[in-house]
PDB file of N, CA and C in Angstrom:
ATOM      1  N   MET A   1       0.853  -0.961  -0.001  1.00  0.00           N
ATOM      2  CA  MET A   1       0.350  -0.311  -0.163  1.00  0.00           C
ATOM      3  C   MET A   1       1.531   1.104  -0.367  1.00  0.00           C
ATOM      4  N   GLU A   2       0.596   1.937  -0.766  1.00  0.00           N
ATOM      5  CA  GLU A   2       1.603   3.479  -0.536  1.00  0.00           C
ATOM      6  C   GLU A   2       0.071   4.525  -0.552  1.00  0.00           C
ATOM      7  N   TYR A   3       0.470   5.399   0.704  1.00  0.00           N
ATOM      8  CA  TYR A   3       0.548   6.667   0.722  1.00  0.00           C
ATOM      9  C   TYR A   3       0.367   7.611  -0.103  1.00  0.00           C
ATOM     10  N   ILE A   4      -0.733   7.978  -1.388  1.00  0.00           N
ATOM     11  CA  ILE A   4      -0.591   9.474  -2.282  1.00  0.00           C
ATOM     12  C   ILE A   4      -0.968  10.607  -2.063  1.00  0.00           C
ATOM     13  N   GLY A   5      -1.679  11.104  -0.810  1.00  0.00           N
ATOM     14  CA  GLY A   5      -1.487  12.321  -0.019  1.00  0.00           C
ATOM     15  C   GLY A   5      -3.411  12.142   0.853  1.00  0.00           C
ATOM     16  N   ASP A   6      -3.684  13.557   1.058  1.00  0.00           N
ATOM     17  CA  ASP A   6      -4.339  13.787   1.440  1.00  0.00           C
ATOM     18  C   ASP A   6      -5.452  12.327   2.698  1.00  0.00           C
ATOM     19  N   GLY A   7      -4.945  11.705   3.575  1.00  0.00           N
ATOM     20  CA  GLY A   7      -5.337  10.356   3.810  1.00  0.00           C
ATOM     21  C   GLY A   7      -5.733   9.147   3.101  1.00  0.00           C
ATOM     22  N   ALA A   8      -5.514   9.944   2.094  1.00  0.00           N
ATOM     23  CA  ALA A   8      -5.373   7.772   1.240  1.00  0.00           C
ATOM     24  C   ALA A   8      -4.729   7.591   0.459  1.00  0.00           C
ATOM     25  N   TYR A   9      -4.156   5.498  -0.183  1.00  0.00           N
ATOM     26  CA  TYR A   9      -3.832   5.415   0.121  1.00  0.00           C
ATOM     27  C   TYR A   9      -4.055   4.271  -1.864  1.00  0.00           C
ATOM     28  N   VAL A  10      -2.887   3.628  -1.643  1.00  0.00           N
ATOM     29  CA  VAL A  10      -3.649   3.077  -3.609  1.00  0.00           C
ATOM     30  C   VAL A  10      -3.158   1.398  -3.437  1.00  0.00           C
ATOM     31  N   ASP A  11      -2.975   0.849  -3.093  1.00  0.00           N
ATOM     32  CA  ASP A  11      -2.383  -0.275  -3.387  1.00  0.00           C
ATOM     33  C   ASP A  11      -3.603  -1.171  -4.695  1.00  0.00           C
ATOM     34  N   ILE A  12      -2.319  -2.343  -5.616  1.00  0.00           N
ATOM     35  CA  ILE A  12      -2.722  -2.798  -6.809  1.00  0.00           C
ATOM     36  C   ILE A  12      -3.370  -4.584  -5.988  1.00  0.00           C
ATOM     37  N   ASP A  13      -4.390  -5.335  -6.063  1.00  0.00           N
ATOM     38  CA  ASP A  13      -5.031  -7.159  -6.526  1.00  0.00           C
ATOM     39  C   ASP A  13      -5.193  -6.886  -7.119  1.00  0.00           C
ATOM     40  N   GLY A  14      -3.820  -8.460  -8.015  1.00  0.00           N
ATOM     41  CA  GLY A  14      -4.087  -8.873  -8.922  1.00  0.00           C
ATOM     42  C   GLY A  14      -4.345  -8.118  -9.811  1.00  0.00           C
ATOM     43  N   ASP A  15      -6.113  -7.554 -10.971  1.00  0.00           N
ATOM     44  CA  ASP A  15      -5.989  -6.804 -10.917  1.00  0.00           C
ATOM     45  C   ASP A  15      -6.726  -5.465 -11.226  1.00  0.00           C
ATOM     46  N   CYS A  16      -6.740  -5.464  -9.635  1.00  0.00           N
ATOM     47  CA  CYS A  16      -7.548  -4.149  -9.235  1.00  0.00           C
ATOM     48  C   CYS A  16      -6.731  -3.200  -8.920  1.00  0.00           C
ATOM     49  N   VAL A  17      -7.354  -2.233  -9.221  1.00  0.00           N
ATOM     50  CA  VAL A  17      -6.798  -0.790  -7.923  1.00  0.00           C
ATOM     51  C   VAL A  17      -7.637  -0.538  -6.663  1.00  0.00           C
ATOM     52  N   ILE A  18      -6.920  -0.816  -5.328  1.00  0.00           N
ATOM     53  CA  ILE A  18      -7.706  -0.167  -4.319  1.00  0.00           C
ATOM     54  C   ILE A  18      -7.260   0.796  -3.837  1.00  0.00           C
ATOM     55  N   LEU A  19      -7.939   2.097  -3.851  1.00  0.00           N
ATOM     56  CA  LEU A  19      -8.241   2.731  -2.962  1.00  0.00           C
ATOM     57  C   LEU A  19      -8.678   2.968  -1.872  1.00  0.00           C
ATOM     58  N   THR A  20      -7.737   3.391  -0.835  1.00  0.00           N
ATOM     59  CA  THR A  20      -7.901   3.295   1.336  1.00  0.00           C
ATOM     60  C   THR A  20      -7.978   4.680   1.620  1.00  0.00           C
ATOM     61  N   THR A  21      -8.842   5.269   2.622  1.00  0.00           N
ATOM     62  CA  THR A  21      -8.924   6.265   3.290  1.00  0.00           C
ATOM     63  C   THR A  21      -8.485   6.038   4.491  1.00  0.00           C
ATOM     64  N   SER A  22      -8.104   6.931   5.074  1.00  0.00           N
ATOM     65  CA  SER A  22      -7.866   6.638   6.998  1.00  0.00           C
ATOM     66  C   SER A  22      -7.499   7.980   7.862  1.00  0.00           C
ATOM     67  N   ASN A  23      -8.536   7.700   9.184  1.00  0.00           N
ATOM     68  CA  ASN A  23      -8.150   8.073   9.803  1.00  0.00           C
ATOM     69  C   ASN A  23      -7.033   9.470  11.194  1.00  0.00           C
ATOM     70  N   GLY A  24      -6.220   8.485  10.141  1.00  0.00           N
ATOM     71  CA  GLY A  24      -4.859   7.758  11.319  1.00  0.00           C
ATOM     72  C   GLY A  24      -5.104   6.956  12.841  1.00  0.00           C
ATOM     73  N   VAL A  25      -6.001   6.006  12.409  1.00  0.00           N
ATOM     74  CA  VAL A  25      -5.652   5.597  13.041  1.00  0.00           C
ATOM     75  C   VAL A  25      -6.971   3.779  12.557  1.00  0.00           C
ATOM     76  N   GLU A  26      -7.384   3.578  11.595  1.00  0.00           N
ATOM     77  CA  GLU A  26      -8.388   3.052  10.878  1.00  0.00           C
ATOM     78  C   GLU A  26      -8.442   3.451   9.429  1.00  0.00           C
ATOM     79  N   THR A  27      -8.349   2.313   8.659  1.00  0.00           N
ATOM     80  CA  THR A  27      -8.988   2.742   7.065  1.00  0.00           C
ATOM     81  C   THR A  27     -10.884   2.662   7.181  1.00  0.00           C
ATOM     82  N   THR A  28     -11.083   3.421   6.311  1.00  0.00           N
ATOM     83  CA  THR A  28     -12.392   4.351   6.891  1.00  0.00           C
ATOM     84  C   THR A  28     -13.142   4.463   5.560  1.00  0.00           C
ATOM     85  N   ASN A  29     -12.281   3.474   4.507  1.00  0.00           N
ATOM     86  CA  ASN A  29     -13.745   3.652   2.938  1.00  0.00           C
ATOM     87  C   ASN A  29     -11.755   2.893   2.211  1.00  0.00           C
ATOM     88  N   ARG A  30     -13.326   2.568   1.930  1.00  0.00           N
ATOM     89  CA  ARG A  30     -12.232   1.083   0.609  1.00  0.00           C
ATOM     90  C   ARG A  30     -13.461   1.318  -0.270  1.00  0.00           C
ATOM     91  N   ILE A  31     -12.322   1.083  -1.303  1.00  0.00           N
ATOM     92  CA  ILE A  31     -12.666   1.268  -2.375  1.00  0.00           C
ATOM     93  C   ILE A  31     -11.920   0.068  -3.754  1.00  0.00           C
ATOM     94  N   VAL A  32     -12.773  -0.786  -4.289  1.00  0.00           N
ATOM     95  CA  VAL A  32     -12.030  -1.249  -4.756  1.00  0.00           C
ATOM     96  C   VAL A  32     -12.318  -1.147  -6.641  1.00  0.00           C
ATOM     97  N   LEU A  33     -12.000  -1.256  -7.569  1.00  0.00           N
ATOM     98  CA  LEU A  33     -12.212  -0.318  -8.702  1.00  0.00           C
ATOM     99  C   LEU A  33     -11.575  -1.644  -9.282  1.00  0.00           C
ATOM    100  N   GLU A  34     -12.870  -2.610 -10.179  1.00  0.00           N
ATOM    101  CA  GLU A  34     -12.454  -3.646 -11.441  1.00  0.00           C
ATOM    102  C   GLU A  34     -11.945  -2.532 -12.602  1.00  0.00           C
ATOM    103  N   PRO A  35     -10.589  -3.751 -13.373  1.00  0.00           N
ATOM    104  CA  PRO A  35     -10.115  -2.473 -14.533  1.00  0.00           C
ATOM    105  C   PRO A  35     -11.362  -2.639 -15.221  1.00  0.00           C
ATOM    106  N   GLN A  36     -12.343  -2.584 -15.716  1.00  0.00           N
ATOM    107  CA  GLN A  36     -13.315  -1.630 -16.204  1.00  0.00           C
ATOM    108  C   GLN A  36     -14.424  -0.769 -15.713  1.00  0.00           C
ATOM    109  N   VAL A  37     -14.183  -0.148 -14.549  1.00  0.00           N
ATOM    110  CA  VAL A  37     -14.950   0.414 -14.043  1.00  0.00           C
ATOM    111  C   VAL A  37     -13.281   1.623 -14.349  1.00  0.00           C
ATOM    112  N   LEU A  38     -11.710   1.726 -13.988  1.00  0.00           N
ATOM    113  CA  LEU A  38     -10.531   1.510 -13.801  1.00  0.00           C
ATOM    114  C   LEU A  38     -10.582   2.735 -14.978  1.00  0.00           C
ATOM    115  N   GLN A  39     -10.698   1.829 -16.500  1.00  0.00           N
ATOM    116  CA  GLN A  39     -11.052   2.334 -17.132  1.00  0.00           C
ATOM    117  C   GLN A  39     -11.772   3.329 -18.196  1.00  0.00           C
ATOM    118  N   THR A  40     -12.986   3.740 -16.732  1.00  0.00           N
ATOM    119  CA  THR A  40     -13.834   3.796 -17.502  1.00  0.00           C
ATOM    120  C   THR A  40     -12.812   5.560 -16.515  1.00  0.00           C
ATOM    121  N   LEU A  41     -12.531   5.486 -15.538  1.00  0.00           N
ATOM    122  CA  LEU A  41     -12.990   6.946 -14.713  1.00  0.00           C
ATOM    123  C   LEU A  41     -11.027   7.323 -15.156  1.00  0.00           C
ATOM    124  N   MET A  42     -10.793   6.192 -16.256  1.00  0.00           N
ATOM    125  CA  MET A  42      -9.257   7.570 -16.551  1.00  0.00           C
ATOM    126  C   MET A  42      -9.838   7.809 -17.772  1.00  0.00           C
ATOM    127  N   ARG A  43     -10.497   6.935 -18.548  1.00  0.00           N
ATOM    128  CA  ARG A  43     -11.583   7.651 -19.823  1.00  0.00           C
ATOM    129  C   ARG A  43     -12.708   9.446 -19.260  1.00  0.00           C
ATOM    130  N   TYR A  44     -13.166   9.081 -17.866  1.00  0.00           N
ATOM    131  CA  TYR A  44     -13.638  10.555 -17.615  1.00  0.00           C
ATOM    132  C   TYR A  44     -12.186  11.566 -17.301  1.00  0.00           C
ATOM    133  N   LEU A  45     -11.379  11.439 -16.317  1.00  0.00           N
ATOM    134  CA  LEU A  45     -10.282  12.426 -16.227  1.00  0.00           C
ATOM    135  C   LEU A  45      -9.978  12.900 -17.023  1.00  0.00           C
ATOM    136  N   ASN A  46      -9.561  12.014 -18.456  1.00  0.00           N
ATOM    137  CA  ASN A  46      -8.738  12.504 -19.423  1.00  0.00           C
ATOM    138  C   ASN A  46      -9.787  13.461 -20.423  1.00  0.00           C
ATOM    139  N   GLU A  47     -11.488  13.388 -20.636  1.00  0.00           N
ATOM    140  CA  GLU A  47     -11.771  14.365 -21.904  1.00  0.00           C
ATOM    141  C   GLU A  47     -12.122  15.474 -20.197  1.00  0.00           C
ATOM    142  N   ARG A  48     -12.572  15.545 -19.090  1.00  0.00           N
ATOM    143  CA  ARG A  48     -12.672  15.936 -18.141  1.00  0.00           C
ATOM    144  C   ARG A  48     -11.367  17.022 -17.705  1.00  0.00           C
ATOM    145  N   ILE A  49      -9.885  16.916 -17.899  1.00  0.00           N
ATOM    146  CA  ILE A  49      -9.296  17.208 -17.450  1.00  0.00           C
ATOM    147  C   ILE A  49      -7.389  17.294 -17.903  1.00  0.00           C
ATOM    148  N   GLY A  50      -8.026  15.779 -18.897  1.00  0.00           N
ATOM    149  CA  GLY A  50      -6.744  16.275 -19.417  1.00  0.00           C
ATOM    150  C   GLY A  50      -5.938  16.116 -20.000  1.00  0.00           C
ATOM    151  N   SER A  51      -6.337  17.696 -21.080  1.00  0.00           N
ATOM    152  CA  SER A  51      -5.502  18.889 -21.571  1.00  0.00           C
ATOM    153  C   SER A  51      -4.638  19.605 -20.578  1.00  0.00           C
ATOM    154  N   ARG A  52      -5.050  19.718 -19.098  1.00  0.00           N
ATOM    155  CA  ARG A  52      -4.955  20.006 -17.695  1.00  0.00           C
ATOM    156  C   ARG A  52      -4.235  18.739 -16.946  1.00  0.00           C
ATOM    157  N   LEU A  53      -3.583  17.880 -17.280  1.00  0.00           N
ATOM    158  CA  LEU A  53      -2.921  17.243 -16.279  1.00  0.00           C
ATOM    159  C   LEU A  53      -2.262  16.556 -17.435  1.00  0.00           C
ATOM    160  N   SER A  54      -1.140  16.231 -16.655  1.00  0.00           N
ATOM    161  CA  SER A  54      -0.047  15.434 -17.013  1.00  0.00           C
ATOM    162  C   SER A  54       0.892  14.446 -15.840  1.00  0.00           C
ATOM    163  N   LEU A  55       1.190  13.638 -15.673  1.00  0.00           N
ATOM    164  CA  LEU A  55       1.448  12.890 -15.134  1.00  0.00           C
ATOM    165  C   LEU A  55       3.172  13.482 -14.400  1.00  0.00           C
ATOM    166  N   ARG A  56       3.680  13.695 -16.311  1.00  0.00           N
ATOM    167  CA  ARG A  56       5.034  14.873 -15.923  1.00  0.00           C
ATOM    168  C   ARG A  56       4.942  16.068 -15.547  1.00  0.00           C
ATOM    169  N   ASP A  57       3.749  16.705 -15.094  1.00  0.00           N
ATOM    170  CA  ASP A  57       3.920  17.612 -14.111  1.00  0.00           C
ATOM    171  C   ASP A  57       3.413  17.829 -13.188  1.00  0.00           C
ATOM    172  N   ILE A  58       3.610  16.734 -12.018  1.00  0.00           N
ATOM    173  CA  ILE A  58       3.445  16.443 -11.097  1.00  0.00           C
ATOM    174  C   ILE A  58       4.834  15.937 -10.589  1.00  0.00           C
ATOM    175  N   PRO A  59       5.115  16.930  -9.421  1.00  0.00           N
ATOM    176  CA  PRO A  59       6.998  17.122  -8.857  1.00  0.00           C
ATOM    177  C   PRO A  59       6.264  15.438  -7.767  1.00  0.00           C
ATOM    178  N   ASN A  60       7.650  15.455  -8.107  1.00  0.00           N
ATOM    179  CA  ASN A  60       7.976  13.522  -6.908  1.00  0.00           C
ATOM    180  C   ASN A  60       7.767  13.468  -5.598  1.00  0.00           C
ATOM    181  N   ASP A  61       7.185  14.231  -5.239  1.00  0.00           N
ATOM    182  CA  ASP A  61       7.263  15.106  -3.876  1.00  0.00           C
ATOM    183  C   ASP A  61       6.737  14.039  -2.762  1.00  0.00           C
ATOM    184  N   PRO A  62       7.052  13.419  -2.079  1.00  0.00           N
ATOM    185  CA  PRO A  62       6.644  12.344  -0.652  1.00  0.00           C
ATOM    186  C   PRO A  62       6.395  12.924  -0.442  1.00  0.00           C
ATOM    187  N   SER A  63       5.960  14.062   0.437  1.00  0.00           N
ATOM    188  CA  SER A  63       4.756  14.239   1.197  1.00  0.00           C
ATOM    189  C   SER A  63       3.579  14.632   0.871  1.00  0.00           C
ATOM    190  N   ARG A  64       3.489  14.274   0.107  1.00  0.00           N
ATOM    191  CA  ARG A  64       2.601  14.092  -1.208  1.00  0.00           C
ATOM    192  C   ARG A  64       2.009  13.272  -1.867  1.00  0.00           C
ATOM    193  N   GLY A  65       2.561  12.039  -1.469  1.00  0.00           N
ATOM    194  CA  GLY A  65       3.046  10.252  -2.181  1.00  0.00           C
ATOM    195  C   GLY A  65       4.201  10.541  -3.051  1.00  0.00           C
ATOM    196  N   ARG A  66       3.709   9.238  -3.744  1.00  0.00           N
ATOM    197  CA  ARG A  66       4.677   9.336  -5.293  1.00  0.00           C
ATOM    198  C   ARG A  66       4.426   8.817  -5.940  1.00  0.00           C
ATOM    199  N   LEU A  67       5.788   8.936  -7.002  1.00  0.00           N
ATOM    200  CA  LEU A  67       4.889   8.497  -9.111  1.00  0.00           C
ATOM    201  C   LEU A  67       6.022   6.941  -8.909  1.00  0.00           C
ATOM    202  N   ARG A  68       5.161   5.995  -8.425  1.00  0.00           N
ATOM    203  CA  ARG A  68       6.847   4.814  -8.799  1.00  0.00           C
ATOM    204  C   ARG A  68       7.254   5.016 -10.181  1.00  0.00           C
ATOM    205  N   ASP A  69       6.340   5.226 -11.212  1.00  0.00           N
ATOM    206  CA  ASP A  69       7.429   4.512 -13.006  1.00  0.00           C
ATOM    207  C   ASP A  69       8.319   6.083 -12.841  1.00  0.00           C
ATOM    208  N   GLU A  70       8.513   6.782 -12.720  1.00  0.00           N
ATOM    209  CA  GLU A  70       9.350   8.649 -13.393  1.00  0.00           C
ATOM    210  C   GLU A  70      10.976   8.325 -13.247  1.00  0.00           C
TER     211      GLU A  70
END
């Protein structure tokens, strides 16, 4: 599991992406995104903010989470 910022964590289990939130003591929410749902989310984000967001624009700042493949 990897901290990505704002109390959110991400993990991968098989072909699913798991997002969790924590209040500092315990996991408070857990969302499992199956591949089809993740693809839909990625398409939505690309359509809505794709021109304003690029992974290259996000600094590799450990205090805000980090990107593995930079």
